[in-house]
């Protein structure tokens, strides 16, 4: 996740600057890696996981789904990307 955190932050930065298509791409990429967190359960565990580890895996997955929901809402409901098209 060390590699993906800068991708998410960069996506957020582009979003705040109004560069929506690039922001949507980077944030979607970041959210896809988040929703894949429960895949941890498909592999044999080397050591038993604590409640904290289980919670963080599921929290990461839920946050990824919420981010995808936000991206869909922003792009299809709010259509914020139209504001940058009209100013160019």
PDB file of N, CA and C in Angstrom:
ATOM      1  N   UNK A   1       0.805  -1.206   0.000  1.00  0.00           N
ATOM      2  CA  UNK A   1       0.000   0.000   0.000  1.00  0.00           C
ATOM      3  C   UNK A   1       0.850   1.273   0.000  1.00  0.00           C
ATOM      4  N   UNK A   2       2.124   1.143   0.242  1.00  0.00           N
ATOM      5  CA  UNK A   2       2.984   2.322   0.226  1.00  0.00           C
ATOM      6  C   UNK A   2       2.978   2.973  -1.150  1.00  0.00           C
ATOM      7  N   UNK A   3       2.885   2.161  -2.189  1.00  0.00           N
ATOM      8  CA  UNK A   3       2.877   2.688  -3.553  1.00  0.00           C
ATOM      9  C   UNK A   3       1.540   3.356  -3.863  1.00  0.00           C
ATOM     10  N   UNK A   4       0.445   2.807  -3.353  1.00  0.00           N
ATOM     11  CA  UNK A   4      -0.876   3.309  -3.717  1.00  0.00           C
ATOM     12  C   UNK A   4      -1.288   4.564  -2.956  1.00  0.00           C
ATOM     13  N   UNK A   5      -0.746   4.796  -1.798  1.00  0.00           N
ATOM     14  CA  UNK A   5      -1.108   5.995  -1.037  1.00  0.00           C
ATOM     15  C   UNK A   5      -0.796   7.279  -1.805  1.00  0.00           C
ATOM     16  N   UNK A   6       0.389   7.421  -2.405  1.00  0.00           N
ATOM     17  CA  UNK A   6       0.626   8.624  -3.219  1.00  0.00           C
ATOM     18  C   UNK A   6      -0.323   8.725  -4.414  1.00  0.00           C
ATOM     19  N   UNK A   7      -0.750   7.588  -4.973  1.00  0.00           N
ATOM     20  CA  UNK A   7      -1.708   7.617  -6.085  1.00  0.00           C
ATOM     21  C   UNK A   7      -3.030   8.211  -5.609  1.00  0.00           C
ATOM     22  N   UNK A   8      -3.496   7.776  -4.440  1.00  0.00           N
ATOM     23  CA  UNK A   8      -4.731   8.321  -3.877  1.00  0.00           C
ATOM     24  C   UNK A   8      -4.607   9.796  -3.543  1.00  0.00           C
ATOM     25  N   UNK A   9      -3.496  10.183  -2.961  1.00  0.00           N
ATOM     26  CA  UNK A   9      -3.291  11.598  -2.626  1.00  0.00           C
ATOM     27  C   UNK A   9      -3.196  12.463  -3.881  1.00  0.00           C
ATOM     28  N   UNK A  10      -2.529  11.939  -4.898  1.00  0.00           N
ATOM     29  CA  UNK A  10      -2.426  12.677  -6.160  1.00  0.00           C
ATOM     30  C   UNK A  10      -3.797  12.811  -6.818  1.00  0.00           C
ATOM     31  N   UNK A  11      -4.586  11.757  -6.753  1.00  0.00           N
ATOM     32  CA  UNK A  11      -5.953  11.820  -7.282  1.00  0.00           C
ATOM     33  C   UNK A  11      -6.780  12.864  -6.548  1.00  0.00           C
ATOM     34  N   UNK A  12      -6.659  12.911  -5.241  1.00  0.00           N
ATOM     35  CA  UNK A  12      -7.366  13.927  -4.455  1.00  0.00           C
ATOM     36  C   UNK A  12      -6.893  15.329  -4.833  1.00  0.00           C
ATOM     37  N   UNK A  13      -5.594  15.487  -5.014  1.00  0.00           N
ATOM     38  CA  UNK A  13      -5.047  16.800  -5.374  1.00  0.00           C
ATOM     39  C   UNK A  13      -5.587  17.250  -6.731  1.00  0.00           C
ATOM     40  N   UNK A  14      -5.606  16.342  -7.706  1.00  0.00           N
ATOM     41  CA  UNK A  14      -6.174  16.682  -9.016  1.00  0.00           C
ATOM     42  C   UNK A  14      -7.652  17.033  -8.890  1.00  0.00           C
ATOM     43  N   UNK A  15      -8.360  16.336  -8.023  1.00  0.00           N
ATOM     44  CA  UNK A  15      -9.781  16.620  -7.818  1.00  0.00           C
ATOM     45  C   UNK A  15      -9.981  18.031  -7.275  1.00  0.00           C
ATOM     46  N   UNK A  16      -9.153  18.420  -6.305  1.00  0.00           N
ATOM     47  CA  UNK A  16      -9.294  19.764  -5.737  1.00  0.00           C
ATOM     48  C   UNK A  16      -8.911  20.851  -6.739  1.00  0.00           C
ATOM     49  N   UNK A  17      -8.070  20.515  -7.700  1.00  0.00           N
ATOM     50  CA  UNK A  17      -7.662  21.475  -8.730  1.00  0.00           C
ATOM     51  C   UNK A  17      -8.628  21.510  -9.910  1.00  0.00           C
ATOM     52  N   UNK A  18      -9.624  20.625  -9.906  1.00  0.00           N
ATOM     53  CA  UNK A  18     -10.614  20.622 -10.977  1.00  0.00           C
ATOM     54  C   UNK A  18     -10.194  19.830 -12.202  1.00  0.00           C
ATOM     55  N   UNK A  19      -9.168  19.013 -12.086  1.00  0.00           N
ATOM     56  CA  UNK A  19      -8.741  18.157 -13.189  1.00  0.00           C
ATOM     57  C   UNK A  19      -9.426  16.807 -12.962  1.00  0.00           C
ATOM     58  N   UNK A  20     -10.710  16.761 -13.293  1.00  0.00           N
ATOM     59  CA  UNK A  20     -11.562  15.667 -12.847  1.00  0.00           C
ATOM     60  C   UNK A  20     -11.270  14.331 -13.499  1.00  0.00           C
ATOM     61  N   UNK A  21     -11.040  14.278 -14.792  1.00  0.00           N
ATOM     62  CA  UNK A  21     -10.866  12.972 -15.438  1.00  0.00           C
ATOM     63  C   UNK A  21      -9.630  12.251 -14.919  1.00  0.00           C
ATOM     64  N   UNK A  22      -8.547  12.970 -14.735  1.00  0.00           N
ATOM     65  CA  UNK A  22      -7.345  12.349 -14.182  1.00  0.00           C
ATOM     66  C   UNK A  22      -7.565  11.967 -12.716  1.00  0.00           C
ATOM     67  N   UNK A  23      -8.264  12.825 -11.991  1.00  0.00           N
ATOM     68  CA  UNK A  23      -8.589  12.528 -10.588  1.00  0.00           C
ATOM     69  C   UNK A  23      -9.464  11.287 -10.494  1.00  0.00           C
ATOM     70  N   UNK A  24     -10.485  11.191 -11.352  1.00  0.00           N
ATOM     71  CA  UNK A  24     -11.362  10.019 -11.343  1.00  0.00           C
ATOM     72  C   UNK A  24     -10.568   8.748 -11.627  1.00  0.00           C
ATOM     73  N   UNK A  25      -9.663   8.815 -12.594  1.00  0.00           N
ATOM     74  CA  UNK A  25      -8.859   7.645 -12.933  1.00  0.00           C
ATOM     75  C   UNK A  25      -7.997   7.204 -11.752  1.00  0.00           C
ATOM     76  N   UNK A  26      -7.270   8.150 -11.164  1.00  0.00           N
ATOM     77  CA  UNK A  26      -6.364   7.795 -10.063  1.00  0.00           C
ATOM     78  C   UNK A  26      -7.132   7.329  -8.828  1.00  0.00           C
ATOM     79  N   UNK A  27      -8.233   7.989  -8.511  1.00  0.00           N
ATOM     80  CA  UNK A  27      -9.017   7.579  -7.342  1.00  0.00           C
ATOM     81  C   UNK A  27      -9.699   6.234  -7.576  1.00  0.00           C
ATOM     82  N   UNK A  28     -10.118   5.965  -8.812  1.00  0.00           N
ATOM     83  CA  UNK A  28     -10.703   4.652  -9.120  1.00  0.00           C
ATOM     84  C   UNK A  28      -9.648   3.560  -8.988  1.00  0.00           C
ATOM     85  N   UNK A  29      -8.459   3.833  -9.468  1.00  0.00           N
ATOM     86  CA  UNK A  29      -7.362   2.880  -9.332  1.00  0.00           C
ATOM     87  C   UNK A  29      -7.089   2.600  -7.857  1.00  0.00           C
ATOM     88  N   UNK A  30      -7.051   3.648  -7.067  1.00  0.00           N
ATOM     89  CA  UNK A  30      -6.823   3.499  -5.625  1.00  0.00           C
ATOM     90  C   UNK A  30      -7.954   2.698  -4.966  1.00  0.00           C
ATOM     91  N   UNK A  31      -9.195   2.981  -5.353  1.00  0.00           N
ATOM     92  CA  UNK A  31     -10.317   2.289  -4.719  1.00  0.00           C
ATOM     93  C   UNK A  31     -10.373   0.819  -5.107  1.00  0.00           C
ATOM     94  N   UNK A  32      -9.942   0.487  -6.325  1.00  0.00           N
ATOM     95  CA  UNK A  32      -9.930  -0.918  -6.736  1.00  0.00           C
ATOM     96  C   UNK A  32      -8.963  -1.713  -5.869  1.00  0.00           C
ATOM     97  N   UNK A  33      -7.834  -1.117  -5.543  1.00  0.00           N
ATOM     98  CA  UNK A  33      -6.903  -1.831  -4.668  1.00  0.00           C
ATOM     99  C   UNK A  33      -7.474  -1.962  -3.254  1.00  0.00           C
ATOM    100  N   UNK A  34      -8.294  -1.003  -2.846  1.00  0.00           N
ATOM    101  CA  UNK A  34      -8.908  -1.084  -1.517  1.00  0.00           C
ATOM    102  C   UNK A  34      -9.970  -2.171  -1.448  1.00  0.00           C
ATOM    103  N   UNK A  35     -10.809  -2.260  -2.481  1.00  0.00           N
ATOM    104  CA  UNK A  35     -11.868  -3.270  -2.416  1.00  0.00           C
ATOM    105  C   UNK A  35     -11.317  -4.683  -2.590  1.00  0.00           C
ATOM    106  N   UNK A  36     -10.076  -4.778  -3.021  1.00  0.00           N
ATOM    107  CA  UNK A  36      -9.480  -6.108  -3.150  1.00  0.00           C
ATOM    108  C   UNK A  36      -8.879  -6.601  -1.829  1.00  0.00           C
ATOM    109  N   UNK A  37      -8.936  -5.825  -0.787  1.00  0.00           N
ATOM    110  CA  UNK A  37      -8.368  -6.235   0.504  1.00  0.00           C
ATOM    111  C   UNK A  37      -8.931  -7.545   1.046  1.00  0.00           C
ATOM    112  N   UNK A  38     -10.245  -7.803   0.947  1.00  0.00           N
ATOM    113  CA  UNK A  38     -10.750  -9.086   1.458  1.00  0.00           C
ATOM    114  C   UNK A  38     -10.193 -10.318   0.736  1.00  0.00           C
ATOM    115  N   UNK A  39      -9.462 -10.123  -0.346  1.00  0.00           N
ATOM    116  CA  UNK A  39      -8.811 -11.246  -1.027  1.00  0.00           C
ATOM    117  C   UNK A  39      -7.791 -11.911  -0.102  1.00  0.00           C
ATOM    118  N   UNK A  40      -7.380 -11.218   0.945  1.00  0.00           N
ATOM    119  CA  UNK A  40      -6.474 -11.821   1.927  1.00  0.00           C
ATOM    120  C   UNK A  40      -7.022 -13.155   2.439  1.00  0.00           C
ATOM    121  N   UNK A  41      -8.338 -13.263   2.487  1.00  0.00           N
ATOM    122  CA  UNK A  41      -8.959 -14.459   3.041  1.00  0.00           C
ATOM    123  C   UNK A  41      -8.903 -15.650   2.084  1.00  0.00           C
ATOM    124  N   UNK A  42      -8.514 -15.449   0.846  1.00  0.00           N
ATOM    125  CA  UNK A  42      -8.417 -16.550  -0.109  1.00  0.00           C
ATOM    126  C   UNK A  42      -7.117 -17.338   0.036  1.00  0.00           C
ATOM    127  N   UNK A  43      -6.166 -16.800   0.764  1.00  0.00           N
ATOM    128  CA  UNK A  43      -4.873 -17.448   0.927  1.00  0.00           C
ATOM    129  C   UNK A  43      -4.721 -17.974   2.353  1.00  0.00           C
ATOM    130  N   UNK A  44      -3.977 -19.049   2.461  1.00  0.00           N
ATOM    131  CA  UNK A  44      -3.740 -19.617   3.787  1.00  0.00           C
ATOM    132  C   UNK A  44      -2.978 -18.618   4.655  1.00  0.00           C
ATOM    133  N   UNK A  45      -3.399 -18.514   5.902  1.00  0.00           N
ATOM    134  CA  UNK A  45      -2.759 -17.573   6.821  1.00  0.00           C
ATOM    135  C   UNK A  45      -1.548 -18.228   7.473  1.00  0.00           C
ATOM    136  N   UNK A  46      -0.453 -17.504   7.504  1.00  0.00           N
ATOM    137  CA  UNK A  46       0.765 -17.996   8.136  1.00  0.00           C
ATOM    138  C   UNK A  46       0.619 -17.941   9.653  1.00  0.00           C
ATOM    139  N   UNK A  47       0.033 -16.870  10.121  1.00  0.00           N
ATOM    140  CA  UNK A  47      -0.199 -16.692  11.558  1.00  0.00           C
ATOM    141  C   UNK A  47      -1.649 -16.245  11.738  1.00  0.00           C
ATOM    142  N   UNK A  48      -2.239 -16.559  12.856  1.00  0.00           N
ATOM    143  CA  UNK A  48      -3.621 -16.110  13.085  1.00  0.00           C
ATOM    144  C   UNK A  48      -3.698 -14.579  13.112  1.00  0.00           C
ATOM    145  N   UNK A  49      -4.775 -14.074  12.531  1.00  0.00           N
ATOM    146  CA  UNK A  49      -4.947 -12.624  12.491  1.00  0.00           C
ATOM    147  C   UNK A  49      -5.740 -12.163  13.708  1.00  0.00           C
ATOM    148  N   UNK A  50      -5.373 -10.994  14.171  1.00  0.00           N
ATOM    149  CA  UNK A  50      -6.068 -10.413  15.318  1.00  0.00           C
ATOM    150  C   UNK A  50      -7.356  -9.742  14.849  1.00  0.00           C
ATOM    151  N   UNK A  51      -8.174  -9.385  15.810  1.00  0.00           N
ATOM    152  CA  UNK A  51      -9.403  -8.663  15.500  1.00  0.00           C
ATOM    153  C   UNK A  51      -9.075  -7.339  14.807  1.00  0.00           C
ATOM    154  N   UNK A  52      -7.993  -6.715  15.216  1.00  0.00           N
ATOM    155  CA  UNK A  52      -7.571  -5.457  14.592  1.00  0.00           C
ATOM    156  C   UNK A  52      -7.262  -5.670  13.112  1.00  0.00           C
ATOM    157  N   UNK A  53      -6.560  -6.741  12.782  1.00  0.00           N
ATOM    158  CA  UNK A  53      -6.214  -7.007  11.393  1.00  0.00           C
ATOM    159  C   UNK A  53      -7.467  -7.292  10.565  1.00  0.00           C
ATOM    160  N   UNK A  54      -8.391  -8.085  11.102  1.00  0.00           N
ATOM    161  CA  UNK A  54      -9.651  -8.349  10.409  1.00  0.00           C
ATOM    162  C   UNK A  54     -10.420  -7.046  10.182  1.00  0.00           C
ATOM    163  N   UNK A  55     -10.456  -6.224  11.213  1.00  0.00           N
ATOM    164  CA  UNK A  55     -11.182  -4.952  11.118  1.00  0.00           C
ATOM    165  C   UNK A  55     -10.577  -4.047  10.053  1.00  0.00           C
ATOM    166  N   UNK A  56      -9.261  -3.968  10.003  1.00  0.00           N
ATOM    167  CA  UNK A  56      -8.612  -3.100   9.018  1.00  0.00           C
ATOM    168  C   UNK A  56      -8.804  -3.605   7.586  1.00  0.00           C
ATOM    169  N   UNK A  57      -8.807  -4.911   7.408  1.00  0.00           N
ATOM    170  CA  UNK A  57      -9.052  -5.470   6.075  1.00  0.00           C
ATOM    171  C   UNK A  57     -10.448  -5.101   5.600  1.00  0.00           C
ATOM    172  N   UNK A  58     -11.437  -5.300   6.454  1.00  0.00           N
ATOM    173  CA  UNK A  58     -12.810  -4.995   6.057  1.00  0.00           C
ATOM    174  C   UNK A  58     -13.060  -3.491   5.966  1.00  0.00           C
ATOM    175  N   UNK A  59     -12.436  -2.717   6.819  1.00  0.00           N
ATOM    176  CA  UNK A  59     -12.576  -1.266   6.739  1.00  0.00           C
ATOM    177  C   UNK A  59     -12.003  -0.749   5.420  1.00  0.00           C
ATOM    178  N   UNK A  60     -10.883  -1.285   5.008  1.00  0.00           N
ATOM    179  CA  UNK A  60     -10.276  -0.904   3.738  1.00  0.00           C
ATOM    180  C   UNK A  60     -11.219  -1.228   2.582  1.00  0.00           C
ATOM    181  N   UNK A  61     -11.831  -2.406   2.617  1.00  0.00           N
ATOM    182  CA  UNK A  61     -12.775  -2.782   1.567  1.00  0.00           C
ATOM    183  C   UNK A  61     -14.000  -1.887   1.529  1.00  0.00           C
ATOM    184  N   UNK A  62     -14.557  -1.587   2.689  1.00  0.00           N
ATOM    185  CA  UNK A  62     -15.738  -0.721   2.762  1.00  0.00           C
ATOM    186  C   UNK A  62     -15.399   0.699   2.289  1.00  0.00           C
ATOM    187  N   UNK A  63     -14.248   1.202   2.696  1.00  0.00           N
ATOM    188  CA  UNK A  63     -13.845   2.548   2.261  1.00  0.00           C
ATOM    189  C   UNK A  63     -13.631   2.594   0.746  1.00  0.00           C
ATOM    190  N   UNK A  64     -13.111   1.509   0.176  1.00  0.00           N
ATOM    191  CA  UNK A  64     -12.959   1.444  -1.273  1.00  0.00           C
ATOM    192  C   UNK A  64     -14.304   1.504  -1.978  1.00  0.00           C
ATOM    193  N   UNK A  65     -15.298   0.790  -1.436  1.00  0.00           N
ATOM    194  CA  UNK A  65     -16.643   0.840  -2.016  1.00  0.00           C
ATOM    195  C   UNK A  65     -17.254   2.237  -1.887  1.00  0.00           C
ATOM    196  N   UNK A  66     -17.041   2.865  -0.740  1.00  0.00           N
ATOM    197  CA  UNK A  66     -17.551   4.225  -0.559  1.00  0.00           C
ATOM    198  C   UNK A  66     -16.886   5.205  -1.523  1.00  0.00           C
ATOM    199  N   UNK A  67     -15.603   5.031  -1.769  1.00  0.00           N
ATOM    200  CA  UNK A  67     -14.900   5.902  -2.718  1.00  0.00           C
ATOM    201  C   UNK A  67     -15.437   5.701  -4.131  1.00  0.00           C
ATOM    202  N   UNK A  68     -15.704   4.465  -4.508  1.00  0.00           N
ATOM    203  CA  UNK A  68     -16.305   4.216  -5.823  1.00  0.00           C
ATOM    204  C   UNK A  68     -17.681   4.867  -5.895  1.00  0.00           C
ATOM    205  N   UNK A  69     -18.458   4.766  -4.825  1.00  0.00           N
ATOM    206  CA  UNK A  69     -19.763   5.440  -4.781  1.00  0.00           C
ATOM    207  C   UNK A  69     -19.627   6.936  -4.945  1.00  0.00           C
ATOM    208  N   UNK A  70     -18.648   7.525  -4.281  1.00  0.00           N
ATOM    209  CA  UNK A  70     -18.423   8.967  -4.423  1.00  0.00           C
ATOM    210  C   UNK A  70     -18.038   9.327  -5.857  1.00  0.00           C
ATOM    211  N   UNK A  71     -17.165   8.530  -6.459  1.00  0.00           N
ATOM    212  CA  UNK A  71     -16.745   8.817  -7.831  1.00  0.00           C
ATOM    213  C   UNK A  71     -17.916   8.730  -8.800  1.00  0.00           C
ATOM    214  N   UNK A  72     -18.773   7.740  -8.627  1.00  0.00           N
ATOM    215  CA  UNK A  72     -19.962   7.631  -9.482  1.00  0.00           C
ATOM    216  C   UNK A  72     -20.901   8.812  -9.261  1.00  0.00           C
ATOM    217  N   UNK A  73     -21.095   9.185  -8.015  1.00  0.00           N
ATOM    218  CA  UNK A  73     -21.965  10.320  -7.695  1.00  0.00           C
ATOM    219  C   UNK A  73     -21.397  11.610  -8.285  1.00  0.00           C
ATOM    220  N   UNK A  74     -20.100  11.808  -8.124  1.00  0.00           N
ATOM    221  CA  UNK A  74     -19.463  13.026  -8.617  1.00  0.00           C
ATOM    222  C   UNK A  74     -19.505  13.111 -10.138  1.00  0.00           C
ATOM    223  N   UNK A  75     -19.276  11.979 -10.807  1.00  0.00           N
ATOM    224  CA  UNK A  75     -19.187  12.025 -12.262  1.00  0.00           C
ATOM    225  C   UNK A  75     -20.544  11.945 -12.947  1.00  0.00           C
ATOM    226  N   UNK A  76     -21.498  11.199 -12.384  1.00  0.00           N
ATOM    227  CA  UNK A  76     -22.780  11.028 -13.067  1.00  0.00           C
ATOM    228  C   UNK A  76     -23.913  11.868 -12.493  1.00  0.00           C
ATOM    229  N   UNK A  77     -23.914  12.114 -11.204  1.00  0.00           N
ATOM    230  CA  UNK A  77     -24.984  12.910 -10.594  1.00  0.00           C
ATOM    231  C   UNK A  77     -24.632  14.394 -10.593  1.00  0.00           C
ATOM    232  N   UNK A  78     -23.475  14.730 -10.057  1.00  0.00           N
ATOM    233  CA  UNK A  78     -23.066  16.135 -10.015  1.00  0.00           C
ATOM    234  C   UNK A  78     -22.533  16.632 -11.350  1.00  0.00           C
ATOM    235  N   UNK A  79     -21.920  15.732 -12.110  1.00  0.00           N
ATOM    236  CA  UNK A  79     -21.305  16.063 -13.399  1.00  0.00           C
ATOM    237  C   UNK A  79     -20.335  17.228 -13.261  1.00  0.00           C
ATOM    238  N   UNK A  80     -19.475  17.135 -12.248  1.00  0.00           N
ATOM    239  CA  UNK A  80     -18.511  18.211 -11.997  1.00  0.00           C
ATOM    240  C   UNK A  80     -17.552  18.414 -13.152  1.00  0.00           C
ATOM    241  N   UNK A  81     -17.296  17.377 -13.906  1.00  0.00           N
ATOM    242  CA  UNK A  81     -16.356  17.491 -15.020  1.00  0.00           C
ATOM    243  C   UNK A  81     -16.875  18.450 -16.079  1.00  0.00           C
ATOM    244  N   UNK A  82     -18.174  18.697 -16.124  1.00  0.00           N
ATOM    245  CA  UNK A  82     -18.728  19.658 -17.101  1.00  0.00           C
ATOM    246  C   UNK A  82     -18.267  21.082 -16.814  1.00  0.00           C
ATOM    247  N   UNK A  83     -18.016  21.394 -15.543  1.00  0.00           N
ATOM    248  CA  UNK A  83     -17.593  22.757 -15.210  1.00  0.00           C
ATOM    249  C   UNK A  83     -16.237  23.078 -15.823  1.00  0.00           C
ATOM    250  N   UNK A  84     -15.383  22.087 -15.969  1.00  0.00           N
ATOM    251  CA  UNK A  84     -14.084  22.353 -16.577  1.00  0.00           C
ATOM    252  C   UNK A  84     -14.186  22.419 -18.103  1.00  0.00           C
ATOM    253  N   UNK A  85     -15.170  21.724 -18.678  1.00  0.00           N
ATOM    254  CA  UNK A  85     -15.351  21.780 -20.134  1.00  0.00           C
ATOM    255  C   UNK A  85     -15.871  23.150 -20.568  1.00  0.00           C
ATOM    256  N   UNK A  86     -16.746  23.745 -19.763  1.00  0.00           N
ATOM    257  CA  UNK A  86     -17.329  25.033 -20.146  1.00  0.00           C
ATOM    258  C   UNK A  86     -16.356  26.182 -19.980  1.00  0.00           C
ATOM    259  N   UNK A  87     -15.336  26.023 -19.140  1.00  0.00           N
ATOM    260  CA  UNK A  87     -14.374  27.115 -18.932  1.00  0.00           C
ATOM    261  C   UNK A  87     -13.211  27.071 -19.916  1.00  0.00           C
ATOM    262  N   UNK A  88     -13.042  25.926 -20.606  1.00  0.00           N
ATOM    263  CA  UNK A  88     -11.930  25.814 -21.565  1.00  0.00           C
ATOM    264  C   UNK A  88     -12.297  26.369 -22.914  1.00  0.00           C
TER     265      UNK A  88
END
